[in-house]
Amino acid sequence: MNLERRRPGGRGAALALLLLLACTTTAAAAGPPWLSLELPANPFDRQTRGALALVRTYHHGGPIQLQVRATAEGLVDGERVSLPLELAPTATTGLYALRGKLPARGAWVLVVRGGADEGGVTAIVEVGPDGALRTVEVPTRGENPPIPRAVTGAEIEGRLRALAAGPPSGGLVLAKPGHGGGGGWVLTLAVFAAIGLPAGFGAWRSLRRR
C-alpha cells in the first residue's frame, strides 16, 4: 500500500513560487546605475598609477561591476575625431582605471558610459587646453532622485564646438591627468567655495603659519 500522496497542483505551486522569486530578484536589481570620477589617481598603487582618472560605478548606493566604455571625443581643425580609451578593472568592486593619451591639439571631452545603451549612465568630462580635466557632468532627466539620461552625438558635438570657440575664463580645474601635485590647490579652492572668500583666505593664512 502506497501511503505517499501527492498534493494536487504541487508542481504548479512550485513553478509559481520560482516565478515570484525571479520577479522579486529582478525588481530588487531594478533602478538606475550611477558613475563618478575620482582624480588624481593614486600614483603609489600599481593598478591606478598613470591613469587619467578613476571611474567608480554604482547601483543606487552600492558599488557594482558594470559594463563600461570610454572614448575621447575631439574637434581638431574643424574635423571630428573619436579615440578609444581603456577602462581597466581593479581589485576593488566597481573601480576602473581610465587610461589613454589625450592629444595636445583641438577641443576634447571624455565620454564615459556605464551599463546598457538604454537605461545606462553617461559622464561627460571637459578637457582644458592644458590637458587638465575640468568639469564632470552626468546628464539626468531631473527627477528626484535623478535618473541618468541618454547623451546624443549632437549634444557632444555642440559641446565640442563651444569649447573650440574658447572655454570660459576661470572655472574649476579638477586636476592634471596623471599628476597629484595640484591636490593642495583643489583643496584650497574647495575651502574658499565652501566657507566664502574672506573666511577661506583666513583659513589659508592659518595653514601657511603651521
N, C-alpha and C. Protein backbone atom coordinates (compact mmCIF):
# COMPACT_ATOMS: atom_id res chain seq x y z
N MET A 1 0.85 -1.19 0.00
CA MET A 1 0.00 0.00 0.00
C MET A 1 0.89 1.24 0.00
N ASN A 2 0.66 2.09 -0.94
CA ASN A 2 1.47 3.30 -1.05
C ASN A 2 0.83 4.41 -0.24
N LEU A 3 1.53 4.79 0.87
CA LEU A 3 0.99 5.81 1.76
C LEU A 3 1.33 7.22 1.28
N GLU A 4 2.28 7.33 0.31
CA GLU A 4 2.67 8.65 -0.18
C GLU A 4 1.56 9.21 -1.05
N ARG A 5 1.10 10.40 -0.75
CA ARG A 5 0.03 11.02 -1.51
C ARG A 5 0.52 12.37 -2.03
N ARG A 6 0.36 12.56 -3.29
CA ARG A 6 0.78 13.82 -3.89
C ARG A 6 -0.32 14.86 -3.74
N ARG A 7 0.14 16.05 -3.38
CA ARG A 7 -0.82 17.15 -3.27
C ARG A 7 -1.15 17.65 -4.66
N PRO A 8 -2.42 17.85 -4.96
CA PRO A 8 -2.79 18.33 -6.30
C PRO A 8 -2.20 19.71 -6.55
N GLY A 9 -1.69 19.86 -7.75
CA GLY A 9 -1.15 21.17 -8.11
C GLY A 9 0.19 21.47 -7.49
N GLY A 10 0.89 20.47 -6.94
CA GLY A 10 2.16 20.72 -6.27
C GLY A 10 3.21 21.28 -7.21
N ARG A 11 3.32 20.73 -8.40
CA ARG A 11 4.31 21.20 -9.36
C ARG A 11 3.98 22.63 -9.81
N GLY A 12 2.71 22.89 -10.04
CA GLY A 12 2.32 24.24 -10.45
C GLY A 12 2.60 25.26 -9.37
N ALA A 13 2.40 24.88 -8.10
CA ALA A 13 2.68 25.80 -7.00
C ALA A 13 4.17 26.09 -6.91
N ALA A 14 5.00 25.06 -7.14
CA ALA A 14 6.45 25.26 -7.08
C ALA A 14 6.90 26.19 -8.20
N LEU A 15 6.33 26.01 -9.40
CA LEU A 15 6.70 26.89 -10.51
C LEU A 15 6.27 28.32 -10.25
N ALA A 16 5.11 28.49 -9.64
CA ALA A 16 4.63 29.84 -9.32
C ALA A 16 5.55 30.50 -8.30
N LEU A 17 6.03 29.70 -7.32
CA LEU A 17 6.93 30.25 -6.32
C LEU A 17 8.24 30.67 -6.95
N LEU A 18 8.79 29.86 -7.86
CA LEU A 18 10.04 30.22 -8.54
C LEU A 18 9.87 31.50 -9.36
N LEU A 19 8.71 31.61 -10.04
CA LEU A 19 8.44 32.80 -10.84
C LEU A 19 8.36 34.04 -9.96
N LEU A 20 7.74 33.89 -8.79
CA LEU A 20 7.63 35.01 -7.86
C LEU A 20 9.01 35.44 -7.37
N LEU A 21 9.87 34.46 -7.05
CA LEU A 21 11.22 34.78 -6.59
C LEU A 21 12.01 35.48 -7.69
N ALA A 22 11.86 35.01 -8.94
CA ALA A 22 12.57 35.64 -10.04
C ALA A 22 12.13 37.08 -10.23
N CYS A 23 10.82 37.32 -10.15
CA CYS A 23 10.31 38.68 -10.30
C CYS A 23 10.79 39.57 -9.17
N THR A 24 10.86 39.03 -7.95
CA THR A 24 11.32 39.81 -6.80
C THR A 24 12.79 40.18 -6.97
N THR A 25 13.60 39.21 -7.44
CA THR A 25 15.02 39.48 -7.65
C THR A 25 15.22 40.55 -8.72
N THR A 26 14.43 40.46 -9.81
CA THR A 26 14.54 41.45 -10.88
C THR A 26 14.15 42.83 -10.37
N ALA A 27 13.09 42.90 -9.57
CA ALA A 27 12.66 44.20 -9.02
C ALA A 27 13.70 44.78 -8.10
N ALA A 28 14.37 43.89 -7.32
CA ALA A 28 15.39 44.38 -6.39
C ALA A 28 16.59 44.93 -7.14
N ALA A 29 16.86 44.33 -8.33
CA ALA A 29 18.01 44.79 -9.09
C ALA A 29 17.69 45.98 -9.99
N ALA A 30 16.38 46.32 -10.08
CA ALA A 30 15.99 47.42 -10.95
C ALA A 30 16.45 48.75 -10.38
N GLY A 31 16.42 49.75 -11.22
CA GLY A 31 16.84 51.06 -10.77
C GLY A 31 18.03 51.52 -11.57
N PRO A 32 18.28 52.84 -11.60
CA PRO A 32 19.34 53.36 -12.46
C PRO A 32 20.73 53.15 -11.88
N PRO A 33 21.72 52.97 -12.75
CA PRO A 33 23.12 52.95 -12.29
C PRO A 33 23.63 54.37 -12.14
N TRP A 34 24.83 54.50 -11.63
CA TRP A 34 25.48 55.81 -11.49
C TRP A 34 26.98 55.60 -11.64
N LEU A 35 27.67 56.66 -12.03
CA LEU A 35 29.13 56.59 -12.04
C LEU A 35 29.70 57.94 -11.65
N SER A 36 30.90 57.92 -11.13
CA SER A 36 31.59 59.14 -10.73
C SER A 36 33.06 59.01 -11.09
N LEU A 37 33.73 60.15 -11.18
CA LEU A 37 35.15 60.17 -11.49
C LEU A 37 35.94 60.68 -10.30
N GLU A 38 37.10 60.09 -10.10
CA GLU A 38 37.98 60.46 -8.99
C GLU A 38 39.37 60.75 -9.55
N LEU A 39 39.97 61.86 -9.14
CA LEU A 39 41.30 62.21 -9.58
C LEU A 39 41.94 63.20 -8.62
N PRO A 40 43.26 63.25 -8.58
CA PRO A 40 44.19 62.45 -9.39
C PRO A 40 44.25 61.00 -8.91
N ALA A 41 44.65 60.11 -9.81
CA ALA A 41 44.79 58.71 -9.45
C ALA A 41 45.97 58.54 -8.49
N ASN A 42 45.88 57.51 -7.65
CA ASN A 42 46.92 57.23 -6.68
C ASN A 42 48.19 56.73 -7.38
N PRO A 43 49.28 57.50 -7.35
CA PRO A 43 50.50 57.07 -8.05
C PRO A 43 51.24 55.94 -7.34
N PHE A 44 50.85 55.63 -6.09
CA PHE A 44 51.53 54.58 -5.32
C PHE A 44 50.85 53.23 -5.50
N ASP A 45 49.73 53.19 -6.21
CA ASP A 45 49.02 51.94 -6.46
C ASP A 45 49.29 51.54 -7.90
N ARG A 46 49.90 50.37 -8.09
CA ARG A 46 50.29 49.96 -9.44
C ARG A 46 49.07 49.75 -10.33
N GLN A 47 47.89 49.51 -9.75
CA GLN A 47 46.68 49.32 -10.56
C GLN A 47 46.16 50.63 -11.14
N THR A 48 46.50 51.74 -10.49
CA THR A 48 45.95 53.03 -10.92
C THR A 48 47.02 54.03 -11.34
N ARG A 49 48.30 53.69 -11.17
CA ARG A 49 49.39 54.61 -11.48
C ARG A 49 49.32 55.06 -12.94
N GLY A 50 49.38 56.37 -13.16
CA GLY A 50 49.38 56.92 -14.51
C GLY A 50 48.02 57.04 -15.16
N ALA A 51 46.95 56.69 -14.46
CA ALA A 51 45.61 56.77 -15.04
C ALA A 51 45.17 58.23 -15.17
N LEU A 52 44.37 58.50 -16.20
CA LEU A 52 43.80 59.83 -16.35
C LEU A 52 42.89 60.16 -15.17
N ALA A 53 42.14 59.18 -14.74
CA ALA A 53 41.21 59.32 -13.62
C ALA A 53 40.75 57.92 -13.21
N LEU A 54 40.06 57.85 -12.09
CA LEU A 54 39.43 56.60 -11.66
C LEU A 54 37.93 56.74 -11.85
N VAL A 55 37.31 55.68 -12.34
CA VAL A 55 35.87 55.66 -12.55
C VAL A 55 35.25 54.67 -11.57
N ARG A 56 34.24 55.13 -10.84
CA ARG A 56 33.52 54.27 -9.90
C ARG A 56 32.09 54.10 -10.38
N THR A 57 31.61 52.87 -10.37
CA THR A 57 30.25 52.58 -10.83
C THR A 57 29.42 52.05 -9.66
N TYR A 58 28.15 52.47 -9.66
CA TYR A 58 27.26 52.15 -8.54
C TYR A 58 25.90 51.69 -9.06
N HIS A 59 25.22 50.93 -8.21
CA HIS A 59 23.79 50.71 -8.35
C HIS A 59 23.16 51.22 -7.08
N HIS A 60 22.39 52.31 -7.20
CA HIS A 60 21.92 53.03 -6.02
C HIS A 60 23.13 53.43 -5.18
N GLY A 61 23.21 53.03 -3.91
CA GLY A 61 24.31 53.46 -3.06
C GLY A 61 25.48 52.51 -3.01
N GLY A 62 25.38 51.35 -3.66
CA GLY A 62 26.44 50.35 -3.52
C GLY A 62 27.27 50.20 -4.78
N PRO A 63 28.58 49.96 -4.64
CA PRO A 63 29.43 49.72 -5.80
C PRO A 63 29.06 48.42 -6.50
N ILE A 64 29.16 48.43 -7.83
CA ILE A 64 28.80 47.25 -8.61
C ILE A 64 29.64 47.24 -9.88
N GLN A 65 29.97 46.05 -10.37
CA GLN A 65 30.68 45.94 -11.65
C GLN A 65 29.67 46.19 -12.77
N LEU A 66 29.97 47.13 -13.63
CA LEU A 66 29.12 47.44 -14.78
C LEU A 66 29.92 47.28 -16.06
N GLN A 67 29.20 47.08 -17.16
CA GLN A 67 29.84 47.16 -18.46
C GLN A 67 30.17 48.63 -18.70
N VAL A 68 31.45 48.94 -18.87
CA VAL A 68 31.87 50.33 -19.03
C VAL A 68 32.69 50.50 -20.30
N ARG A 69 32.61 51.67 -20.89
CA ARG A 69 33.41 52.00 -22.06
C ARG A 69 33.61 53.50 -22.08
N ALA A 70 34.68 53.95 -22.74
CA ALA A 70 35.00 55.37 -22.74
C ALA A 70 35.70 55.74 -24.04
N THR A 71 35.45 56.96 -24.48
CA THR A 71 36.11 57.50 -25.66
C THR A 71 36.51 58.94 -25.39
N ALA A 72 37.52 59.39 -26.11
CA ALA A 72 37.87 60.81 -26.14
C ALA A 72 37.30 61.36 -27.44
N GLU A 73 36.40 62.33 -27.32
CA GLU A 73 35.76 62.92 -28.49
C GLU A 73 36.36 64.30 -28.72
N GLY A 74 36.86 64.53 -29.94
CA GLY A 74 37.57 65.77 -30.19
C GLY A 74 37.13 66.48 -31.45
N LEU A 75 37.51 67.73 -31.52
CA LEU A 75 37.33 68.56 -32.71
C LEU A 75 38.68 69.18 -33.01
N VAL A 76 39.33 68.70 -34.08
CA VAL A 76 40.69 69.12 -34.43
C VAL A 76 40.66 69.73 -35.83
N ASP A 77 40.98 71.02 -35.91
CA ASP A 77 40.95 71.74 -37.19
C ASP A 77 39.61 71.58 -37.89
N GLY A 78 38.56 71.63 -37.09
CA GLY A 78 37.21 71.54 -37.64
C GLY A 78 36.73 70.13 -37.94
N GLU A 79 37.58 69.12 -37.74
CA GLU A 79 37.22 67.73 -38.02
C GLU A 79 36.95 66.98 -36.73
N ARG A 80 35.88 66.14 -36.75
CA ARG A 80 35.55 65.33 -35.58
C ARG A 80 36.46 64.11 -35.50
N VAL A 81 36.97 63.85 -34.31
CA VAL A 81 37.86 62.72 -34.06
C VAL A 81 37.34 61.98 -32.83
N SER A 82 37.37 60.66 -32.89
CA SER A 82 36.98 59.83 -31.76
C SER A 82 38.07 58.81 -31.48
N LEU A 83 38.58 58.79 -30.24
CA LEU A 83 39.66 57.89 -29.86
C LEU A 83 39.19 56.98 -28.72
N PRO A 84 39.44 55.69 -28.82
CA PRO A 84 39.06 54.79 -27.71
C PRO A 84 39.96 55.00 -26.50
N LEU A 85 39.38 54.87 -25.32
CA LEU A 85 40.12 54.90 -24.07
C LEU A 85 39.93 53.56 -23.36
N GLU A 86 40.87 53.21 -22.52
CA GLU A 86 40.82 51.94 -21.78
C GLU A 86 40.25 52.16 -20.40
N LEU A 87 39.37 51.27 -19.98
CA LEU A 87 38.87 51.25 -18.61
C LEU A 87 39.29 49.92 -18.01
N ALA A 88 40.39 49.93 -17.26
CA ALA A 88 40.95 48.69 -16.72
C ALA A 88 40.35 48.42 -15.34
N PRO A 89 39.73 47.26 -15.13
CA PRO A 89 39.19 46.95 -13.81
C PRO A 89 40.30 46.77 -12.79
N THR A 90 39.99 47.09 -11.55
CA THR A 90 40.93 46.90 -10.45
C THR A 90 40.39 45.82 -9.50
N ALA A 91 41.12 45.58 -8.43
CA ALA A 91 40.69 44.58 -7.46
C ALA A 91 39.51 45.07 -6.63
N THR A 92 39.19 46.35 -6.70
CA THR A 92 38.07 46.91 -5.95
C THR A 92 36.81 46.87 -6.79
N THR A 93 35.73 46.38 -6.23
CA THR A 93 34.47 46.27 -6.95
C THR A 93 34.02 47.64 -7.46
N GLY A 94 33.74 47.70 -8.75
CA GLY A 94 33.21 48.92 -9.33
C GLY A 94 34.23 50.02 -9.53
N LEU A 95 35.52 49.72 -9.47
CA LEU A 95 36.56 50.74 -9.64
C LEU A 95 37.40 50.40 -10.86
N TYR A 96 37.52 51.38 -11.78
CA TYR A 96 38.25 51.19 -13.02
C TYR A 96 39.26 52.32 -13.20
N ALA A 97 40.39 51.99 -13.80
CA ALA A 97 41.41 52.99 -14.12
C ALA A 97 41.21 53.42 -15.57
N LEU A 98 40.95 54.71 -15.76
CA LEU A 98 40.74 55.26 -17.09
C LEU A 98 42.10 55.64 -17.68
N ARG A 99 42.47 54.99 -18.79
CA ARG A 99 43.80 55.18 -19.37
C ARG A 99 43.71 55.57 -20.83
N GLY A 100 44.67 56.36 -21.26
CA GLY A 100 44.75 56.77 -22.66
C GLY A 100 45.60 58.02 -22.77
N LYS A 101 45.87 58.42 -23.99
CA LYS A 101 46.68 59.60 -24.24
C LYS A 101 45.80 60.64 -24.91
N LEU A 102 45.80 61.84 -24.36
CA LEU A 102 45.00 62.92 -24.91
C LEU A 102 45.86 63.79 -25.81
N PRO A 103 45.46 64.01 -27.06
CA PRO A 103 46.23 64.86 -27.96
C PRO A 103 46.32 66.29 -27.44
N ALA A 104 47.40 66.96 -27.80
CA ALA A 104 47.61 68.33 -27.33
C ALA A 104 46.78 69.33 -28.13
N ARG A 105 46.43 69.01 -29.36
CA ARG A 105 45.70 69.95 -30.21
C ARG A 105 44.21 69.65 -30.20
N GLY A 106 43.42 70.71 -30.38
CA GLY A 106 41.98 70.54 -30.54
C GLY A 106 41.21 70.70 -29.25
N ALA A 107 39.90 70.62 -29.37
CA ALA A 107 38.99 70.65 -28.22
C ALA A 107 38.53 69.22 -27.95
N TRP A 108 38.52 68.84 -26.65
CA TRP A 108 38.25 67.45 -26.30
C TRP A 108 37.31 67.33 -25.11
N VAL A 109 36.49 66.29 -25.15
CA VAL A 109 35.73 65.84 -23.98
C VAL A 109 35.90 64.33 -23.87
N LEU A 110 35.86 63.83 -22.66
CA LEU A 110 35.85 62.40 -22.41
C LEU A 110 34.41 61.97 -22.17
N VAL A 111 34.01 60.90 -22.81
CA VAL A 111 32.66 60.37 -22.64
C VAL A 111 32.78 58.98 -22.03
N VAL A 112 32.28 58.83 -20.81
CA VAL A 112 32.37 57.56 -20.08
C VAL A 112 30.96 57.03 -19.89
N ARG A 113 30.72 55.82 -20.34
CA ARG A 113 29.38 55.23 -20.27
C ARG A 113 29.41 53.96 -19.41
N GLY A 114 28.36 53.76 -18.64
CA GLY A 114 28.22 52.57 -17.81
C GLY A 114 26.85 51.94 -17.99
N GLY A 115 26.80 50.61 -18.01
CA GLY A 115 25.53 49.93 -18.18
C GLY A 115 25.14 49.79 -19.64
N ALA A 116 23.90 49.37 -19.86
CA ALA A 116 23.40 49.17 -21.22
C ALA A 116 23.19 50.51 -21.91
N ASP A 117 23.05 50.45 -23.24
CA ASP A 117 22.82 51.68 -24.00
C ASP A 117 21.54 52.38 -23.54
N GLU A 118 20.49 51.60 -23.29
CA GLU A 118 19.26 52.15 -22.76
C GLU A 118 19.21 51.86 -21.26
N GLY A 119 18.95 52.90 -20.48
CA GLY A 119 18.93 52.72 -19.04
C GLY A 119 20.30 52.78 -18.41
N GLY A 120 21.32 53.20 -19.18
CA GLY A 120 22.66 53.32 -18.64
C GLY A 120 22.93 54.72 -18.11
N VAL A 121 24.20 55.01 -17.87
CA VAL A 121 24.60 56.29 -17.31
C VAL A 121 25.83 56.78 -18.08
N THR A 122 25.89 58.10 -18.30
CA THR A 122 26.98 58.69 -19.07
C THR A 122 27.54 59.89 -18.34
N ALA A 123 28.87 59.98 -18.30
CA ALA A 123 29.55 61.16 -17.74
C ALA A 123 30.31 61.84 -18.87
N ILE A 124 30.24 63.17 -18.89
CA ILE A 124 30.97 63.98 -19.87
C ILE A 124 31.99 64.81 -19.11
N VAL A 125 33.26 64.69 -19.49
CA VAL A 125 34.35 65.40 -18.82
C VAL A 125 34.99 66.36 -19.82
N GLU A 126 34.97 67.64 -19.53
CA GLU A 126 35.61 68.61 -20.41
C GLU A 126 37.11 68.66 -20.12
N VAL A 127 37.89 68.74 -21.19
CA VAL A 127 39.34 68.79 -21.09
C VAL A 127 39.80 70.19 -21.46
N GLY A 128 40.60 70.81 -20.59
CA GLY A 128 41.09 72.15 -20.84
C GLY A 128 42.21 72.15 -21.86
N PRO A 129 42.59 73.34 -22.35
CA PRO A 129 43.65 73.43 -23.36
C PRO A 129 45.01 72.97 -22.86
N ASP A 130 45.19 72.91 -21.52
CA ASP A 130 46.44 72.45 -20.95
C ASP A 130 46.40 70.97 -20.59
N GLY A 131 45.34 70.29 -21.01
CA GLY A 131 45.22 68.86 -20.72
C GLY A 131 44.61 68.56 -19.37
N ALA A 132 44.23 69.59 -18.61
CA ALA A 132 43.62 69.37 -17.31
C ALA A 132 42.16 68.97 -17.47
N LEU A 133 41.71 68.00 -16.68
CA LEU A 133 40.31 67.64 -16.66
C LEU A 133 39.55 68.70 -15.86
N ARG A 134 38.49 69.23 -16.46
CA ARG A 134 37.77 70.32 -15.82
C ARG A 134 36.43 69.82 -15.31
N THR A 135 35.33 70.24 -15.87
CA THR A 135 34.03 69.89 -15.31
C THR A 135 33.65 68.45 -15.63
N VAL A 136 32.96 67.81 -14.69
CA VAL A 136 32.40 66.47 -14.89
C VAL A 136 30.90 66.59 -14.72
N GLU A 137 30.15 66.12 -15.71
CA GLU A 137 28.69 66.21 -15.66
C GLU A 137 28.08 64.86 -16.00
N VAL A 138 27.10 64.45 -15.20
CA VAL A 138 26.29 63.27 -15.51
C VAL A 138 24.90 63.79 -15.86
N PRO A 139 24.57 63.89 -17.14
CA PRO A 139 23.26 64.42 -17.52
C PRO A 139 22.12 63.55 -16.98
N THR A 140 21.10 64.19 -16.44
CA THR A 140 19.97 63.48 -15.86
C THR A 140 18.67 64.04 -16.40
N ARG A 141 17.58 63.33 -16.11
CA ARG A 141 16.26 63.76 -16.54
C ARG A 141 15.61 64.68 -15.52
N GLY A 142 16.27 64.93 -14.39
CA GLY A 142 15.77 65.91 -13.45
C GLY A 142 14.85 65.38 -12.37
N GLU A 143 14.60 64.06 -12.32
CA GLU A 143 13.76 63.52 -11.27
C GLU A 143 14.47 63.60 -9.92
N ASN A 144 13.73 63.31 -8.88
CA ASN A 144 14.32 63.28 -7.54
C ASN A 144 13.99 61.93 -6.91
N PRO A 145 14.98 61.00 -6.77
CA PRO A 145 16.40 61.18 -7.12
C PRO A 145 16.60 61.23 -8.64
N PRO A 146 17.74 61.80 -9.09
CA PRO A 146 17.95 61.99 -10.52
C PRO A 146 18.11 60.67 -11.26
N ILE A 147 17.58 60.63 -12.48
CA ILE A 147 17.69 59.45 -13.34
C ILE A 147 18.60 59.81 -14.50
N PRO A 148 19.72 59.10 -14.70
CA PRO A 148 20.60 59.41 -15.83
C PRO A 148 19.85 59.30 -17.15
N ARG A 149 20.18 60.18 -18.07
CA ARG A 149 19.55 60.15 -19.39
C ARG A 149 20.59 59.87 -20.46
N ALA A 150 20.10 59.50 -21.63
CA ALA A 150 20.99 59.25 -22.76
C ALA A 150 21.61 60.55 -23.25
N VAL A 151 22.83 60.45 -23.75
CA VAL A 151 23.54 61.60 -24.30
C VAL A 151 23.69 61.39 -25.81
N THR A 152 23.26 62.36 -26.60
CA THR A 152 23.27 62.22 -28.05
C THR A 152 24.59 62.70 -28.65
N GLY A 153 24.85 62.24 -29.87
CA GLY A 153 26.03 62.71 -30.58
C GLY A 153 25.97 64.20 -30.87
N ALA A 154 24.76 64.71 -31.14
CA ALA A 154 24.61 66.14 -31.39
C ALA A 154 24.94 66.96 -30.15
N GLU A 155 24.63 66.42 -28.99
CA GLU A 155 24.94 67.12 -27.74
C GLU A 155 26.45 67.21 -27.53
N ILE A 156 27.15 66.14 -27.80
CA ILE A 156 28.61 66.13 -27.68
C ILE A 156 29.23 67.08 -28.70
N GLU A 157 28.69 67.05 -29.93
CA GLU A 157 29.19 67.93 -30.99
C GLU A 157 29.05 69.40 -30.59
N GLY A 158 27.88 69.75 -30.03
CA GLY A 158 27.66 71.12 -29.61
C GLY A 158 28.61 71.56 -28.51
N ARG A 159 28.89 70.64 -27.59
CA ARG A 159 29.81 70.98 -26.50
C ARG A 159 31.23 71.17 -27.04
N LEU A 160 31.64 70.35 -27.99
CA LEU A 160 32.97 70.49 -28.57
C LEU A 160 33.12 71.82 -29.31
N ARG A 161 32.09 72.20 -30.04
CA ARG A 161 32.17 73.46 -30.78
C ARG A 161 32.21 74.65 -29.83
N ALA A 162 31.51 74.54 -28.71
CA ALA A 162 31.57 75.60 -27.71
C ALA A 162 32.97 75.69 -27.11
N LEU A 163 33.60 74.56 -26.85
CA LEU A 163 34.96 74.55 -26.32
C LEU A 163 35.95 75.10 -27.34
N ALA A 164 35.76 74.72 -28.61
CA ALA A 164 36.67 75.18 -29.65
C ALA A 164 36.58 76.69 -29.82
N ALA A 165 35.40 77.26 -29.56
CA ALA A 165 35.23 78.70 -29.67
C ALA A 165 35.95 79.45 -28.57
N GLY A 166 36.34 78.72 -27.52
CA GLY A 166 37.06 79.35 -26.41
C GLY A 166 36.38 79.04 -25.10
N PRO A 167 37.06 78.29 -24.21
CA PRO A 167 36.46 77.97 -22.91
C PRO A 167 36.26 79.23 -22.10
N PRO A 168 35.25 79.27 -21.24
CA PRO A 168 35.04 80.44 -20.39
C PRO A 168 36.22 80.67 -19.47
N SER A 169 36.53 81.93 -19.22
CA SER A 169 37.64 82.25 -18.33
C SER A 169 37.34 81.75 -16.93
N GLY A 170 38.37 81.35 -16.22
CA GLY A 170 38.17 80.82 -14.87
C GLY A 170 37.63 79.40 -14.94
N GLY A 171 36.72 79.07 -14.03
CA GLY A 171 36.17 77.72 -13.99
C GLY A 171 37.00 76.82 -13.10
N LEU A 172 36.40 75.73 -12.70
CA LEU A 172 37.04 74.81 -11.78
C LEU A 172 37.93 73.84 -12.54
N VAL A 173 39.19 73.76 -12.18
CA VAL A 173 40.12 72.76 -12.72
C VAL A 173 40.22 71.64 -11.71
N LEU A 174 39.81 70.43 -12.11
CA LEU A 174 39.82 69.32 -11.17
C LEU A 174 41.24 68.83 -10.91
N ALA A 175 41.97 68.54 -11.95
CA ALA A 175 43.36 68.08 -11.78
C ALA A 175 43.98 67.86 -13.14
N LYS A 176 45.29 67.86 -13.17
CA LYS A 176 46.02 67.49 -14.38
C LYS A 176 46.06 65.96 -14.42
N PRO A 177 45.72 65.34 -15.54
CA PRO A 177 45.70 63.88 -15.60
C PRO A 177 47.04 63.27 -15.24
N GLY A 178 47.00 62.25 -14.39
CA GLY A 178 48.20 61.51 -14.06
C GLY A 178 49.12 62.18 -13.07
N HIS A 179 48.70 63.32 -12.49
CA HIS A 179 49.54 64.04 -11.56
C HIS A 179 48.77 64.32 -10.28
N GLY A 180 49.51 64.39 -9.18
CA GLY A 180 48.88 64.68 -7.90
C GLY A 180 49.31 66.00 -7.31
N GLY A 181 50.13 66.76 -8.02
CA GLY A 181 50.68 67.98 -7.44
C GLY A 181 49.66 69.06 -7.22
N GLY A 182 48.51 69.02 -7.94
CA GLY A 182 47.53 70.08 -7.81
C GLY A 182 46.53 69.84 -6.71
N GLY A 183 46.67 68.76 -5.95
CA GLY A 183 45.67 68.43 -4.96
C GLY A 183 45.50 69.50 -3.91
N GLY A 184 46.61 70.14 -3.50
CA GLY A 184 46.50 71.17 -2.48
C GLY A 184 45.70 72.36 -2.96
N TRP A 185 45.90 72.72 -4.25
CA TRP A 185 45.15 73.85 -4.80
C TRP A 185 43.68 73.51 -4.93
N VAL A 186 43.37 72.26 -5.30
CA VAL A 186 41.97 71.85 -5.37
C VAL A 186 41.33 71.95 -4.00
N LEU A 187 42.06 71.52 -2.96
CA LEU A 187 41.54 71.60 -1.60
C LEU A 187 41.32 73.06 -1.21
N THR A 188 42.28 73.93 -1.55
CA THR A 188 42.13 75.34 -1.22
C THR A 188 40.92 75.94 -1.90
N LEU A 189 40.70 75.60 -3.21
CA LEU A 189 39.53 76.10 -3.91
C LEU A 189 38.25 75.61 -3.25
N ALA A 190 38.24 74.35 -2.78
CA ALA A 190 37.07 73.82 -2.13
C ALA A 190 36.78 74.57 -0.83
N VAL A 191 37.82 74.90 -0.07
CA VAL A 191 37.63 75.64 1.18
C VAL A 191 37.06 77.02 0.91
N PHE A 192 37.61 77.71 -0.10
CA PHE A 192 37.12 79.05 -0.44
C PHE A 192 35.66 78.98 -0.89
N ALA A 193 35.32 77.97 -1.68
CA ALA A 193 33.95 77.86 -2.18
C ALA A 193 32.98 77.52 -1.07
N ALA A 194 33.43 76.72 -0.10
CA ALA A 194 32.53 76.25 0.94
C ALA A 194 32.26 77.30 2.01
N ILE A 195 33.29 78.09 2.39
CA ILE A 195 33.09 78.99 3.53
C ILE A 195 33.20 80.46 3.15
N GLY A 196 33.37 80.74 1.86
CA GLY A 196 33.40 82.14 1.43
C GLY A 196 34.81 82.66 1.33
N LEU A 197 34.99 83.70 0.50
CA LEU A 197 36.33 84.21 0.21
C LEU A 197 37.06 84.74 1.44
N PRO A 198 36.48 85.65 2.27
CA PRO A 198 37.24 86.18 3.42
C PRO A 198 37.62 85.09 4.41
N ALA A 199 36.63 84.26 4.75
CA ALA A 199 36.93 83.19 5.71
C ALA A 199 37.92 82.21 5.13
N GLY A 200 37.79 81.91 3.83
CA GLY A 200 38.72 80.98 3.21
C GLY A 200 40.13 81.52 3.20
N PHE A 201 40.28 82.84 2.97
CA PHE A 201 41.62 83.43 2.98
C PHE A 201 42.23 83.34 4.37
N GLY A 202 41.39 83.54 5.42
CA GLY A 202 41.89 83.40 6.78
C GLY A 202 42.33 81.99 7.08
N ALA A 203 41.56 81.00 6.58
CA ALA A 203 41.95 79.60 6.79
C ALA A 203 43.25 79.29 6.08
N TRP A 204 43.43 79.86 4.87
CA TRP A 204 44.67 79.63 4.12
C TRP A 204 45.86 80.21 4.85
N ARG A 205 45.71 81.43 5.41
CA ARG A 205 46.80 82.04 6.16
C ARG A 205 47.13 81.22 7.39
N SER A 206 46.07 80.68 8.04
CA SER A 206 46.32 79.85 9.23
C SER A 206 47.11 78.62 8.86
N LEU A 207 46.77 77.99 7.69
CA LEU A 207 47.51 76.80 7.27
C LEU A 207 48.95 77.15 6.93
N ARG A 208 49.18 78.35 6.36
CA ARG A 208 50.53 78.76 5.99
C ARG A 208 51.42 78.94 7.21
N ARG A 209 50.82 79.31 8.37
CA ARG A 209 51.65 79.56 9.58
C ARG A 209 52.14 78.25 10.19
N ARG A 210 51.47 77.14 9.89
CA ARG A 210 51.84 75.87 10.54
C ARG A 210 53.16 75.36 10.01
